[in-house]
Structure formats: structure tokens, C-alpha cells
C-alpha atoms as a PDB file:
ATOM      1  CA  MET A   1      65.469 -40.461  84.746  1.00  0.00           C
ATOM      2  CA  THR A   2      66.141 -38.663  81.482  1.00  0.00           C
ATOM      3  CA  LEU A   3      66.965 -35.383  83.207  1.00  0.00           C
ATOM      4  CA  TRP A   4      69.107 -37.266  85.718  1.00  0.00           C
ATOM      5  CA  ARG A   5      71.049 -38.943  82.930  1.00  0.00           C
ATOM      6  CA  LEU A   6      71.493 -35.611  81.187  1.00  0.00           C
ATOM      7  CA  ALA A   7      72.759 -34.035  84.394  1.00  0.00           C
ATOM      8  CA  VAL A   8      75.165 -36.905  85.006  1.00  0.00           C
ATOM      9  CA  THR A   9      76.438 -36.688  81.435  1.00  0.00           C
ATOM     10  CA  LEU A  10      77.021 -32.955  81.689  1.00  0.00           C
ATOM     11  CA  TRP A  11      78.734 -33.399  85.070  1.00  0.00           C
ATOM     12  CA  ARG A  12      81.070 -36.028  83.665  1.00  0.00           C
ATOM     13  CA  LEU A  13      81.859 -33.858  80.657  1.00  0.00           C
ATOM     14  CA  ALA A  14      82.637 -30.895  82.901  1.00  0.00           C
ATOM     15  CA  ALA A  15      84.779 -33.070  85.179  1.00  0.00           C
ATOM     16  CA  VAL A  16      86.765 -34.472  82.244  1.00  0.00           C
ATOM     17  CA  THR A  17      87.235 -30.979  80.805  1.00  0.00           C
ATOM     18  CA  LEU A  18      88.459 -29.602  84.131  1.00  0.00           C
ATOM     19  CA  TRP A  19      90.731 -32.621  84.609  1.00  0.00           C
ATOM     20  CA  ARG A  20      92.283 -32.129  81.170  1.00  0.00           C
ATOM     21  CA  LEU A  21      92.733 -28.418  81.813  1.00  0.00           C
ATOM     22  CA  ALA A  22      94.397 -29.126  85.155  1.00  0.00           C
ATOM     23  CA  ALA A  23      96.646 -31.756  83.567  1.00  0.00           C
ATOM     24  CA  VAL A  24      97.737 -29.364  80.808  1.00  0.00           C
ATOM     25  CA  THR A  25      98.368 -26.628  83.364  1.00  0.00           C
ATOM     26  CA  LEU A  26     100.478 -28.940  85.538  1.00  0.00           C
ATOM     27  CA  TRP A  27     102.357 -30.181  82.473  1.00  0.00           C
ATOM     28  CA  ARG A  28     103.170 -26.630  81.414  1.00  0.00           C
ATOM     29  CA  LEU A  29     104.223 -25.749  84.956  1.00  0.00           C
ATOM     30  CA  ALA A  30     106.498 -28.785  85.083  1.00  0.00           C
ATOM     31  CA  ALA A  31     108.008 -27.898  81.702  1.00  0.00           C
ATOM     32  CA  VAL A  32     108.668 -24.305  82.757  1.00  0.00           C
ATOM     33  CA  THR A  33     110.151 -25.501  86.048  1.00  0.00           C
ATOM     34  CA  LEU A  34     112.505 -27.910  84.280  1.00  0.00           C
ATOM     35  CA  TRP A  35     113.498 -25.192  81.820  1.00  0.00           C
ATOM     36  CA  TRP A  36     114.161 -22.784  84.694  1.00  0.00           C
ATOM     37  CA  LEU A  37     116.238 -25.364  86.538  1.00  0.00           C
ATOM     38  CA  ALA A  38     118.253 -26.102  83.407  1.00  0.00           C
ATOM     39  CA  ALA A  39     118.735 -22.468  82.377  1.00  0.00           C
ATOM     40  CA  VAL A  40     118.955 -20.382  85.557  1.00  0.00           C
ATOM     41  CA  VAL A  41     120.191 -22.557  88.409  1.00  0.00           C
ATOM     42  CA  PRO A  42     123.622 -23.563  86.972  1.00  0.00           C
ATOM     43  CA  PHE A  43     124.481 -19.888  86.412  1.00  0.00           C
ATOM     44  CA  ARG A  44     123.519 -19.055  89.981  1.00  0.00           C
ATOM     45  CA  ILE A  45     125.373 -21.963  91.553  1.00  0.00           C
ATOM     46  CA  SER A  46     128.624 -21.875  89.580  1.00  0.00           C
ATOM     47  CA  PRO A  47     129.969 -18.399  90.493  1.00  0.00           C
ATOM     48  CA  GLY A  48     129.824 -19.157  94.245  1.00  0.00           C
ATOM     49  CA  PRO A  49     132.977 -21.065  95.219  1.00  0.00           C
ATOM     50  CA  LYS A  50     134.853 -20.299  91.984  1.00  0.00           C
ATOM     51  CA  GLY A  51     134.262 -16.564  91.876  1.00  0.00           C
ATOM     52  CA  HIS A  52     135.191 -15.613  95.414  1.00  0.00           C
ATOM     53  CA  HIS A  53     138.308 -17.795  95.842  1.00  0.00           C
ATOM     54  CA  THR A  54     137.821 -18.505  99.526  1.00  0.00           C
ATOM     55  CA  GLN A  55     140.828 -20.818  99.598  1.00  0.00           C
END
């Protein structure tokens, strides 16, 4: 049982580490996505109707 408990402990530690790494990665991806939406998208949307003067 001692080896089994050691294996379970190591498995849980690895799972928690991978979960934290995935959470940090998703958090960074979300932050970059929000920054991109705030910085890039308004500049791409605004020149459309105003710049070409379709009316």
C-alpha cells in the first residue's frame, strides 16, 4: 500500500501542476485576446463606413 499511496500522491501532484499550468495559459490567452480586441479591432472597424463615404 505504501507504493500505491506514493504513486497516488505523485499523480495528484502532477495533475494539480498541469491544471495550474493550463489555468495560467488560458488566463494569459484570455488577457492577450482582450488586449487585442481593445487595441486592434476598433481601428479595423472604424475606417469602414466613415472612410469610404458610401452615402
